[in-house]
């Protein structure tokens, strides 16, 4: 079994739920299966832990800490220029979402372009697609993002073929919609990747209770927008009621 090196590019501050799909990869290792007290036949199909590595990469460099939205600082293990994470050294590059519309530094964008050019499997979650968009690696490709900013994505990156799906892929580039759609995307990626045996993927997804929800949303975009309008209206009406109560 060949080594597997996954890089997680952190453009702070990120949401931890965007980062959470990385755990599906980590759960596919023999150490994790042993910790679960699985029988030897199942441990044998898992990834050898010695051949598995995750690097957390940021412009700030190793041994720095990147903030996240729930005020948990993430320890960075590699900088953009570290030899171990240069193009050709990573098999998968995962980008969790920073604030919508945030344009990363040029060094970060060049890092993404270099890896895509070297043939990495690029996976973005939620607003992580902005990083790929600013890097220019989505031009002419199908991609998706969280529904709340699809209009912004279309205006900012008009050369991208935007689709309204939980996740989609165009060749080696995978993009996920809203926050938890990252789980759906990674589940589908693992099922399609030759790196992961089918029984191994089934076991990991069963442990994590990740369901195969498919690419298509159950509710259309119009229904989704209508729900938000109704939710905002309820908040407005409720706010008026609370205001009157205070005045009384």
Protein backbone atom coordinates (compact mmCIF):
# COMPACT_ATOMS: atom_id res chain seq x y z
CA UNK A 1 0.00 0.00 0.00
CA UNK A 2 1.56 3.34 -1.05
CA UNK A 3 2.03 6.16 1.48
CA UNK A 4 -0.77 8.70 1.80
CA UNK A 5 0.09 12.30 2.63
CA UNK A 6 -2.81 14.72 3.13
CA UNK A 7 -2.29 18.44 3.43
CA UNK A 8 -4.86 20.70 5.09
CA UNK A 9 -4.43 24.30 3.97
CA UNK A 10 -5.54 26.65 6.73
CA UNK A 11 -6.61 30.17 5.73
CA UNK A 12 -7.76 31.50 9.12
CA UNK A 13 -10.14 31.83 10.70
CA UNK A 14 -11.80 28.59 9.66
CA UNK A 15 -14.86 26.73 10.93
CA UNK A 16 -14.11 23.44 12.67
CA UNK A 17 -17.08 21.77 10.99
CA UNK A 18 -15.43 22.54 7.64
CA UNK A 19 -12.32 20.77 8.87
CA UNK A 20 -14.13 17.76 10.36
CA UNK A 21 -14.09 15.57 7.19
CA UNK A 22 -10.35 15.09 7.69
CA UNK A 23 -11.30 12.70 10.49
CA UNK A 24 -12.83 10.28 7.99
CA UNK A 25 -9.37 9.80 6.52
CA UNK A 26 -7.76 9.45 9.97
CA UNK A 27 -10.37 6.87 10.99
CA UNK A 28 -9.25 4.65 8.11
CA UNK A 29 -5.92 3.85 9.79
CA UNK A 30 -4.88 0.67 11.56
CA UNK A 31 -4.20 2.56 14.81
CA UNK A 32 -7.78 3.79 14.88
CA UNK A 33 -9.15 0.33 14.13
CA UNK A 34 -7.01 -1.11 16.95
CA UNK A 35 -8.33 1.55 19.32
CA UNK A 36 -11.83 0.40 18.39
CA UNK A 37 -10.86 -3.19 19.30
CA UNK A 38 -11.75 -4.42 15.85
CA UNK A 39 -10.82 -8.01 14.93
CA UNK A 40 -7.62 -8.71 13.00
CA UNK A 41 -9.31 -9.17 9.57
CA UNK A 42 -10.70 -5.62 9.72
CA UNK A 43 -7.43 -4.15 10.98
CA UNK A 44 -5.67 -5.79 8.04
CA UNK A 45 -7.71 -3.81 5.48
CA UNK A 46 -7.03 -0.44 7.14
CA UNK A 47 -4.25 1.97 6.13
CA UNK A 48 -0.91 1.27 7.82
CA UNK A 49 -0.45 4.16 10.22
CA UNK A 50 3.26 4.46 9.39
CA UNK A 51 2.33 5.25 5.79
CA UNK A 52 -0.30 7.85 6.69
CA UNK A 53 0.40 11.52 7.39
CA UNK A 54 -1.61 14.73 7.77
CA UNK A 55 0.13 18.10 7.53
CA UNK A 56 -1.62 21.28 8.68
CA UNK A 57 -0.24 24.04 6.48
CA UNK A 58 -0.46 27.82 6.76
CA UNK A 59 1.42 30.92 5.68
CA UNK A 60 2.34 31.56 9.32
CA UNK A 61 4.55 28.46 9.35
CA UNK A 62 5.13 25.52 11.70
CA UNK A 63 4.55 25.75 15.45
CA UNK A 64 2.22 28.72 15.03
CA UNK A 65 -1.48 28.69 15.90
CA UNK A 66 -4.35 29.56 13.57
CA UNK A 67 -7.67 30.79 14.99
CA UNK A 68 -11.01 29.14 14.31
CA UNK A 69 -14.54 30.48 14.70
CA UNK A 70 -15.22 28.65 18.01
CA UNK A 71 -12.06 30.20 19.54
CA UNK A 72 -9.95 27.04 19.32
CA UNK A 73 -6.43 27.65 18.01
CA UNK A 74 -5.13 25.03 15.58
CA UNK A 75 -1.47 24.10 15.66
CA UNK A 76 0.19 24.46 12.26
CA UNK A 77 2.74 21.79 11.40
CA UNK A 78 4.14 23.10 8.09
CA UNK A 79 4.71 26.34 6.23
CA UNK A 80 4.12 26.93 2.55
CA UNK A 81 7.82 26.59 1.77
CA UNK A 82 8.50 23.43 3.79
CA UNK A 83 10.07 20.75 1.64
CA UNK A 84 7.67 18.07 2.90
CA UNK A 85 4.59 19.81 1.47
CA UNK A 86 5.86 21.03 -1.88
CA UNK A 87 3.96 20.19 -5.11
CA UNK A 88 4.29 16.49 -5.78
CA UNK A 89 4.68 15.67 -2.07
CA UNK A 90 0.95 15.69 -1.24
CA UNK A 91 -1.68 13.23 -2.46
CA UNK A 92 -4.69 15.19 -1.22
CA UNK A 93 -5.06 18.90 -0.42
CA UNK A 94 -8.10 19.79 1.69
CA UNK A 95 -9.15 23.43 2.08
CA UNK A 96 -11.72 24.22 4.81
CA UNK A 97 -13.61 27.49 4.59
CA UNK A 98 -12.38 30.91 5.69
CA UNK A 99 -14.81 33.87 5.87
CA UNK A 100 -16.75 34.26 2.59
CA UNK A 101 -14.96 36.37 0.00
CA UNK A 102 -11.65 36.49 1.86
CA UNK A 103 -8.82 36.65 -0.68
CA UNK A 104 -5.72 34.85 0.64
CA UNK A 105 -2.20 36.15 0.19
CA UNK A 106 -0.53 35.59 -3.18
CA UNK A 107 1.83 33.03 -1.64
CA UNK A 108 -1.16 30.91 -0.60
CA UNK A 109 -2.72 31.10 -4.05
CA UNK A 110 0.55 30.13 -5.71
CA UNK A 111 0.78 27.16 -3.34
CA UNK A 112 -2.65 25.95 -4.48
CA UNK A 113 -1.82 26.44 -8.16
CA UNK A 114 1.42 24.53 -7.78
CA UNK A 115 -0.28 21.53 -6.23
CA UNK A 116 -3.10 21.41 -8.76
CA UNK A 117 -0.51 21.62 -11.51
CA UNK A 118 1.31 18.67 -9.94
CA UNK A 119 -1.85 16.55 -9.99
CA UNK A 120 -3.00 16.68 -6.37
CA UNK A 121 -6.58 15.73 -5.50
CA UNK A 122 -8.01 19.09 -4.38
CA UNK A 123 -10.98 19.05 -1.99
CA UNK A 124 -12.65 22.28 -0.82
CA UNK A 125 -15.35 22.57 1.82
CA UNK A 126 -17.95 25.35 1.93
CA UNK A 127 -16.23 28.73 1.50
CA UNK A 128 -12.90 26.99 0.94
CA UNK A 129 -13.96 27.17 -2.71
CA UNK A 130 -13.12 30.90 -2.63
CA UNK A 131 -9.46 29.98 -2.09
CA UNK A 132 -9.49 27.72 -5.14
CA UNK A 133 -11.40 30.34 -7.12
CA UNK A 134 -8.92 33.12 -6.34
CA UNK A 135 -6.10 30.73 -7.25
CA UNK A 136 -7.65 30.40 -10.71
CA UNK A 137 -7.77 26.59 -10.67
CA UNK A 138 -11.55 26.41 -11.17
CA UNK A 139 -11.72 28.25 -14.51
CA UNK A 140 -13.86 26.32 -16.97
CA UNK A 141 -14.65 23.61 -14.40
CA UNK A 142 -17.80 22.54 -12.58
CA UNK A 143 -17.84 23.57 -8.93
CA UNK A 144 -20.21 24.30 -6.09
CA UNK A 145 -20.24 26.23 -2.84
CA UNK A 146 -22.56 26.98 0.03
CA UNK A 147 -25.97 28.11 -1.22
CA UNK A 148 -25.87 31.36 0.73
CA UNK A 149 -23.05 32.78 -1.39
CA UNK A 150 -23.65 31.17 -4.79
CA UNK A 151 -24.61 34.56 -6.28
CA UNK A 152 -21.38 36.05 -4.96
CA UNK A 153 -19.37 33.14 -6.33
CA UNK A 154 -20.98 33.54 -9.76
CA UNK A 155 -20.12 37.24 -9.89
CA UNK A 156 -16.61 36.84 -8.50
CA UNK A 157 -15.66 33.85 -10.67
CA UNK A 158 -17.79 34.04 -13.84
CA UNK A 159 -15.53 31.59 -15.67
CA UNK A 160 -16.56 28.73 -13.38
CA UNK A 161 -19.52 26.43 -14.16
CA UNK A 162 -21.40 26.72 -10.86
CA UNK A 163 -23.87 23.96 -9.98
CA UNK A 164 -26.36 23.75 -7.10
CA UNK A 165 -25.34 20.47 -5.45
CA UNK A 166 -24.13 19.14 -2.12
CA UNK A 167 -20.84 18.36 -3.79
CA UNK A 168 -19.42 17.89 -7.26
CA UNK A 169 -16.16 17.04 -8.91
CA UNK A 170 -14.47 17.86 -12.17
CA UNK A 171 -11.53 15.56 -12.60
CA UNK A 172 -9.29 15.79 -9.53
CA UNK A 173 -11.03 18.89 -8.14
CA UNK A 174 -13.82 18.26 -5.64
CA UNK A 175 -15.94 21.02 -4.11
CA UNK A 176 -18.59 20.81 -1.38
CA UNK A 177 -21.54 23.07 -0.66
CA UNK A 178 -22.58 23.93 2.89
CA UNK A 179 -20.57 23.04 5.97
CA UNK A 180 -21.60 19.43 6.60
CA UNK A 181 -21.65 18.69 2.87
CA UNK A 182 -17.92 18.23 3.29
CA UNK A 183 -18.72 14.88 4.90
CA UNK A 184 -20.84 13.88 1.91
CA UNK A 185 -18.05 14.90 -0.45
CA UNK A 186 -15.28 13.04 1.35
CA UNK A 187 -17.46 9.95 1.64
CA UNK A 188 -18.05 9.99 -2.12
CA UNK A 189 -14.37 10.72 -2.78
CA UNK A 190 -13.26 7.77 -0.66
CA UNK A 191 -15.71 5.48 -2.45
CA UNK A 192 -14.37 6.50 -5.85
CA UNK A 193 -10.68 6.63 -4.96
CA UNK A 194 -8.47 3.64 -5.68
CA UNK A 195 -6.59 4.44 -2.47
CA UNK A 196 -9.37 3.06 -0.26
CA UNK A 197 -10.75 -0.44 -0.35
CA UNK A 198 -14.55 -0.63 -0.51
CA UNK A 199 -14.95 -2.57 2.73
CA UNK A 200 -12.64 -0.12 4.49
CA UNK A 201 -14.76 2.84 3.37
CA UNK A 202 -17.98 1.06 4.39
CA UNK A 203 -16.53 0.45 7.84
CA UNK A 204 -15.36 4.03 8.36
CA UNK A 205 -18.65 5.54 7.23
CA UNK A 206 -20.57 3.12 9.47
CA UNK A 207 -18.48 4.12 12.50
CA UNK A 208 -18.98 7.82 11.75
CA UNK A 209 -22.65 7.31 10.84
CA UNK A 210 -22.15 9.30 7.66
CA UNK A 211 -25.07 8.66 5.34
CA UNK A 212 -24.84 8.68 1.56
CA UNK A 213 -27.11 11.65 0.85
CA UNK A 214 -26.09 11.94 -2.79
CA UNK A 215 -25.23 15.06 -4.75
CA UNK A 216 -28.70 16.49 -5.19
CA UNK A 217 -30.45 18.50 -2.49
CA UNK A 218 -33.92 17.32 -1.45
CA UNK A 219 -35.24 20.88 -1.40
CA UNK A 220 -34.79 23.04 -4.49
CA UNK A 221 -33.04 26.38 -4.31
CA UNK A 222 -36.33 28.29 -4.48
CA UNK A 223 -37.71 26.36 -1.50
CA UNK A 224 -34.46 26.91 0.37
CA UNK A 225 -34.60 30.67 -0.29
CA UNK A 226 -38.26 30.78 0.76
CA UNK A 227 -37.37 29.14 4.09
CA UNK A 228 -34.77 31.83 4.76
CA UNK A 229 -37.24 34.60 3.96
CA UNK A 230 -39.76 33.01 6.35
CA UNK A 231 -37.10 32.55 9.04
CA UNK A 232 -36.04 36.21 8.78
CA UNK A 233 -39.68 37.32 8.89
CA UNK A 234 -40.28 35.27 12.06
CA UNK A 235 -37.22 36.86 13.69
CA UNK A 236 -38.42 40.34 12.70
CA UNK A 237 -41.93 39.74 14.06
CA UNK A 238 -40.50 38.18 17.23
CA UNK A 239 -38.19 41.15 17.67
CA UNK A 240 -41.12 43.55 17.42
CA UNK A 241 -42.96 41.56 20.08
CA UNK A 242 -39.99 41.64 22.44
CA UNK A 243 -39.61 45.36 21.87
CA UNK A 244 -43.23 46.02 22.78
CA UNK A 245 -42.88 43.89 25.91
CA UNK A 246 -39.95 45.99 27.09
CA UNK A 247 -41.77 49.23 26.37
CA UNK A 248 -44.72 48.06 28.45
